[in-house]
Amino acid sequence: MAKPNAQIVYTTCSIAFEENEYVVSKVLKLLGKDVVEIERQ
């Protein structure tokens, strides 16, 4: 797992919902966490 205050980046080469938003939402739900949007630079 990541160190405290670290960022985790999940990336795929697919635009499929099942490989992207669905996976992230399931993991966050299991961990009791929320999505935090970051500003692109």
C-alpha atoms as a PDB file:
ATOM      1  CA  MET A   1       0.000   0.000   0.000  1.00  0.00           C
ATOM      2  CA  ALA A   2       1.028   3.606  -0.385  1.00  0.00           C
ATOM      3  CA  LYS A   3       2.695   5.675   2.313  1.00  0.00           C
ATOM      4  CA  PRO A   4       0.553   8.230   4.182  1.00  0.00           C
ATOM      5  CA  ASN A   5      -0.352  11.250   2.021  1.00  0.00           C
ATOM      6  CA  ALA A   6       0.871   9.505  -1.135  1.00  0.00           C
ATOM      7  CA  GLN A   7      -1.072   9.537  -4.385  1.00  0.00           C
ATOM      8  CA  ILE A   8      -2.101   6.346  -6.154  1.00  0.00           C
ATOM      9  CA  VAL A   9      -2.537   6.489  -9.918  1.00  0.00           C
ATOM     10  CA  TYR A  10      -4.567   3.798 -11.672  1.00  0.00           C
ATOM     11  CA  THR A  11      -4.317   3.796 -15.441  1.00  0.00           C
ATOM     12  CA  THR A  12      -5.342   1.522 -18.287  1.00  0.00           C
ATOM     13  CA  CYS A  13      -5.103   1.664 -22.055  1.00  0.00           C
ATOM     14  CA  SER A  14      -8.840   1.122 -22.342  1.00  0.00           C
ATOM     15  CA  ILE A  15     -11.883   3.374 -22.369  1.00  0.00           C
ATOM     16  CA  ALA A  16     -14.083   0.527 -21.116  1.00  0.00           C
ATOM     17  CA  PHE A  17     -16.137   1.427 -18.039  1.00  0.00           C
ATOM     18  CA  GLU A  18     -15.458  -2.035 -16.566  1.00  0.00           C
ATOM     19  CA  GLU A  19     -11.702  -1.430 -16.582  1.00  0.00           C
ATOM     20  CA  ASN A  20     -11.749   2.133 -15.373  1.00  0.00           C
ATOM     21  CA  GLU A  21     -14.494   3.853 -13.373  1.00  0.00           C
ATOM     22  CA  TYR A  22     -16.049   0.593 -12.180  1.00  0.00           C
ATOM     23  CA  VAL A  23     -12.784  -0.792 -10.766  1.00  0.00           C
ATOM     24  CA  VAL A  24     -11.881   2.477  -9.060  1.00  0.00           C
ATOM     25  CA  SER A  25     -15.351   2.931  -7.564  1.00  0.00           C
ATOM     26  CA  LYS A  26     -15.354  -0.622  -6.172  1.00  0.00           C
ATOM     27  CA  VAL A  27     -11.925  -0.234  -4.549  1.00  0.00           C
ATOM     28  CA  LEU A  28     -12.828   3.141  -3.049  1.00  0.00           C
ATOM     29  CA  LYS A  29     -16.103   1.762  -1.700  1.00  0.00           C
ATOM     30  CA  LEU A  30     -14.278  -1.175  -0.075  1.00  0.00           C
ATOM     31  CA  LEU A  31     -11.819   1.237   1.554  1.00  0.00           C
ATOM     32  CA  GLY A  32     -14.493   3.736   2.572  1.00  0.00           C
ATOM     33  CA  LYS A  33     -12.826   6.471   0.515  1.00  0.00           C
ATOM     34  CA  ASP A  34     -13.999   9.082  -1.987  1.00  0.00           C
ATOM     35  CA  VAL A  35     -12.699  10.308  -5.315  1.00  0.00           C
ATOM     36  CA  VAL A  36     -10.715  13.521  -5.093  1.00  0.00           C
ATOM     37  CA  GLU A  37     -10.364  15.337  -8.382  1.00  0.00           C
ATOM     38  CA  ILE A  38      -7.031  16.997  -9.010  1.00  0.00           C
ATOM     39  CA  GLU A  39      -6.329  19.933 -11.266  1.00  0.00           C
ATOM     40  CA  ARG A  40      -4.424  19.071 -14.433  1.00  0.00           C
ATOM     41  CA  GLN A  41      -1.292  21.065 -15.003  1.00  0.00           C
END
